[in-house]
Amino acid sequence: MTNEASYPSGSSFASWQSEVQAAVDESNSEKLLERVHAAEIAIFNRFQELANDIRPASSHHAEREALDKALETLRLIKRDRLGFPDWRKE
């Protein structure tokens, strides 16, 4: 797992990106779950905003990909740093 989330250069995804980055950077295990939850909420809220946007979904393709990648990063944090079970095991 990387130590830094990455997003397209010039990203304007600040509404949720800062929450994800805070979770990635959190070193205090007692605060980490709180940071992960805050990031998940910010991502959920952004998906809701995008769902209600009248512009075509294709206009948000890059951000949707970045949101998906951020969710995967949070899943890995929960598995690797918080000891959650790996629900993706095959």
Protein backbone atom coordinates (compact mmCIF):
# COMPACT_ATOMS: atom_id res chain seq x y z
CA MET A 1 0.00 0.00 0.00
CA THR A 2 1.26 3.45 -0.80
CA ASN A 3 1.69 6.12 1.85
CA GLU A 4 0.13 8.79 -0.29
CA ALA A 5 -3.14 8.96 -2.18
CA SER A 6 -2.76 10.19 -5.74
CA TYR A 7 -5.23 12.08 -7.87
CA PRO A 8 -5.08 13.64 -11.32
CA SER A 9 -2.82 16.67 -11.46
CA GLY A 10 -4.71 19.90 -11.02
CA SER A 11 -7.35 17.98 -9.14
CA SER A 12 -10.34 19.92 -7.90
CA PHE A 13 -11.55 17.06 -5.73
CA ALA A 14 -10.75 18.92 -2.51
CA SER A 15 -14.15 18.27 -0.95
CA TRP A 16 -13.16 14.68 -0.21
CA GLN A 17 -9.47 14.42 -1.15
CA SER A 18 -8.27 16.15 2.02
CA GLU A 19 -10.20 13.69 4.19
CA VAL A 20 -8.69 10.71 2.38
CA GLN A 21 -5.21 12.18 2.64
CA ALA A 22 -5.72 12.79 6.37
CA ALA A 23 -6.56 9.11 6.81
CA VAL A 24 -3.54 8.02 4.78
CA ASP A 25 -1.26 10.28 6.82
CA GLU A 26 -2.70 9.49 10.27
CA SER A 27 -0.12 7.77 12.43
CA ASN A 28 -2.15 7.64 15.65
CA SER A 29 -4.01 4.32 15.58
CA GLU A 30 -6.61 5.64 18.00
CA LYS A 31 -7.55 8.43 15.56
CA LEU A 32 -7.21 6.41 12.37
CA LEU A 33 -10.66 4.85 12.35
CA GLU A 34 -12.22 8.27 12.90
CA ARG A 35 -10.23 9.62 9.93
CA VAL A 36 -11.28 6.68 7.75
CA HIS A 37 -14.93 7.22 8.65
CA ALA A 38 -14.68 10.94 7.87
CA ALA A 39 -13.16 10.12 4.47
CA GLU A 40 -15.85 7.55 3.72
CA ILE A 41 -18.56 10.08 4.57
CA ALA A 42 -16.94 12.73 2.36
CA ILE A 43 -16.74 10.25 -0.52
CA PHE A 44 -20.35 9.17 -0.04
CA ASN A 45 -21.48 12.80 -0.02
CA ARG A 46 -19.56 13.50 -3.22
CA PHE A 47 -21.09 10.46 -4.94
CA GLN A 48 -24.50 11.84 -3.93
CA GLU A 49 -23.63 15.25 -5.41
CA LEU A 50 -22.48 13.62 -8.65
CA ALA A 51 -25.67 11.55 -8.84
CA ASN A 52 -27.74 14.72 -8.61
CA ASP A 53 -25.64 16.66 -11.14
CA ILE A 54 -27.51 17.39 -14.35
CA ARG A 55 -24.35 17.25 -16.46
CA PRO A 56 -23.59 13.95 -18.22
CA ALA A 57 -21.89 11.31 -16.06
CA SER A 58 -19.01 11.25 -18.54
CA SER A 59 -18.06 14.77 -17.46
CA HIS A 60 -17.10 13.35 -14.06
CA HIS A 61 -15.32 10.21 -15.26
CA ALA A 62 -11.88 11.13 -13.86
CA GLU A 63 -13.30 12.06 -10.48
CA ARG A 64 -15.37 8.87 -10.27
CA GLU A 65 -12.23 6.84 -10.97
CA ALA A 66 -10.37 8.78 -8.27
CA LEU A 67 -13.25 8.18 -5.83
CA ASP A 68 -13.12 4.45 -6.55
CA LYS A 69 -9.35 4.43 -6.01
CA ALA A 70 -9.78 6.35 -2.74
CA LEU A 71 -12.32 3.79 -1.51
CA GLU A 72 -9.85 1.02 -2.30
CA THR A 73 -7.15 2.90 -0.39
CA LEU A 74 -9.46 3.17 2.63
CA ARG A 75 -10.29 -0.55 2.39
CA LEU A 76 -6.57 -1.34 2.48
CA ILE A 77 -6.03 0.96 5.45
CA LYS A 78 -8.82 -0.80 7.32
CA ARG A 79 -7.38 -4.22 6.48
CA ASP A 80 -3.68 -3.51 6.93
CA ARG A 81 -3.59 -0.90 9.67
CA LEU A 82 -6.82 -1.48 11.60
CA GLY A 83 -7.02 -5.27 11.36
CA PHE A 84 -10.40 -5.47 9.62
CA PRO A 85 -11.07 -8.79 7.87
CA ASP A 86 -10.33 -8.91 4.16
CA TRP A 87 -13.78 -9.27 2.65
CA ARG A 88 -12.28 -9.54 -0.83
CA LYS A 89 -10.48 -12.83 -0.18
CA GLU A 90 -11.32 -15.40 -2.79
